Amino acid sequence: MEAAVATESLSKLNINGDFASSLPNLHRNLHLLSPQQVELAKMLVEKGQSHLFEHWPEPGVDDDEKKAFFDQVTRLNSSYPGGLASYLKTARELLADSRAGKNPFDGFTPSVPTGENLSYGDENFIKFEEAGVKEAQNAAFVLVAGGLGERLGYNGIKVALPFETITGTCFLQCYIESVLALQEASYRMTQGGQKKEVPFVIMTSDDTHARTVELLESNSYFGMKPTQVKLLKQEKVACLEDNDARLALDPQNKFRVQTKPHGHGDVHSLLYSSGLLYEWHDAGLRWVLFFQDTNGLLFKAIPASIGVSATKGYHVNSLTVPRKAKEAIGGITKLTHIDGRSMVINVEYNQLDPLLRATGFPDGDVNCETGYSPFPGNINQLILELDPYIEELKKTGGAIKEFVNPKYKDASKTSFKSSTRLECMMQDYPKTLPPSARVGFTVMDTWLAYAPVKNNPEDAAKVPKGNPYHSATSGEMAIYRANSLILRKVGVQVDNPVNEVFNGQEVEVWPRIVWKPTWGLTFADIRSKVSGSCSITQRSTMAIKGRNIFVKDLSLDGALVIDSIDEAEVKAGGSVQNKGWLLEKVDYKDTSVPEAIRIRGFRFKKIDQLEKQFSEPGKFELKA
């Protein structure tokens, strides 16, 4: 009787339920579904997913849950290029390759690609920086920020973490202020043109979206117009429970497919489906910059990198740092296949050495005469030329070559310890490009370009001596080192650092110097604002917050904070001496201290400082 009612309901909907005849639990419930949902059910059954319905009770029991299941499946289907059928097909192929131990680099020979090595502050660097600032108003910036700070021992979103604690500026504020400074500098350099607003896109996830919106709104978008900022939320992908790519059910709810993040490669399909790329094309933009969420040094390297892209005409430009052989960072590599095709991509460090050994380089991954590997280190910052990017995405829909990394129970590779899923990385975009694509790289000194914050204090303390900690401690200290070295380059006498241990990590402690991007966006900016005989002692702290602050004949031994509006021109000099700010050690286990501070292992104890604020237009002198 029940089956007859179900069949009658289906015929009214003009739906053929024959495909479910061998699945009585599904068949009985088909009349609950819309025609589109029945089509999805049919696809799932045809793709070997009938186990999803084995536990379904008769109609009238958990009907809302059954509908919610199909709501979820509809989302999973629509958010993946080609839909779930395509996801499952790719999954079966990749799982078969993984089980067979197939090497993705079979048939490829590695070689060193072409790129530009830059040395901070020399004529070549200044030339590229100037070209980059000019081009910046034709760029869009895309921040990949789907991650929480749990791996850091921080419960917030990573972009809300202070990148330095002198001013407490968070990563997102640093990035937005840097983009605004570039926008303004680009406009000033190309006088007479229309003032363009540089687009700023943030890719979020379910984990970070609401908190990113809250951070922006509660801080008035850090000075950016809300219309400039677009948030694109990535969806998760379905988990797979075995080599047959059977979808895994959520252990907490048998009416849900278990899902996990797909990786930051989703940014390409999100940009494509959002329509933003065409908007940018129509607005005359030329470049799209992709960057990750916790590298406080990045914008010191971006102007010159844009300049390299513009000057060399690169369709793809990977920002890289010098890499020691076998260092745990991927290398940008040209791969040429025996069938003639070639690509320039990131090869993970644990794959590069065996690949070289297998293709006629018996020593594998070794340093060359420069003391570094000839394969520069990938730091996941990309600059793409917009028009070729759009042409490529028209073909692929933004789908990126995926990989799968199942954790097998044993050597038979027949079952998994836990469910797996397909993953993709944004830096794998060049894998589908034709050989005619101009793919290059830009190498910058690590001290200038790369200090990511991704490890918690316990993990960082276990890092072998001499290797980078990549912690909140090392990340903040890297800001002070970079700023100290930059000031040395423009003639300031900056004391050498001392070594100290915080949270079990030995770091160089340079004078604590920070400035806003409007003050020192490029080397030329900084050189124009510092003159005479200046010196800064190791125990000093300095914060410059204002565009038109000129430092001349300043001798600093203590703490100095200068804050000014754009319309105030301030000349700062003389001898500033006070008790200053002390670095006080903090234990990361001390829960009386806020997380954002204790993961660093230090805080500032502000004993004494010279602090001046200039909030009126005019010319002023600060003479100590």
Foldseek 3Di string as FASTA:
>chain_A
DLLVVLVVLCVVLVHDPVLCPVPVQCSSLVSLDHNVLSVVVSLCVVLPQSVLRNPRDGPPPCSVLLVVLSVQQVVQQVQDVVGPSVQLVLLLVQLVCVLVVPDPQPQKAWDFDDAAEDEAPDPLLVLLLVLLLLQLLLEAEEEEFADDQVQAVAGAGQQQFQLAFPPSHGNQLQVVLLSVLSLVSNDVVVDPDDRHQHAYEYEYEPSHVVVVVVVCVVCVNNPHPPVRYYYFYHYWHFWAWFSSRHTDADPVDSSYTDTDHQESLSVQLRCLVVCVLVVSVVVNHWKYKYDYRFQSLALQPRSSQSSRCVVVVAQKAFEFAFAAQLFQFWFFIWIAGPVGWIWTATDGNVRQQVSNCVNPNVRGQHADPVNTTSGTGGPQMMMGTSPVSNVLCVVVSSDFDWHKDFAAPDSSRGGGPGIIGIHGYNRRVRVPPGRVHRHYYYYYHCLRRGQAARHFLVQLLPPPPPHHSSHSQRSNQSQQVNVQVLVVSLPEAFDFFDWDAFSNDIDTQGAAEEERCLQPSYSVSVSVQEDEYHYEYRPEHEYYAENQEHEYAAYEAAYEYEHEYPLEHEYEHEYHHDPHKDWAFADCVPVVDRNSPNSNRTDIDGDDYHYDYYYDGDYYYHYD
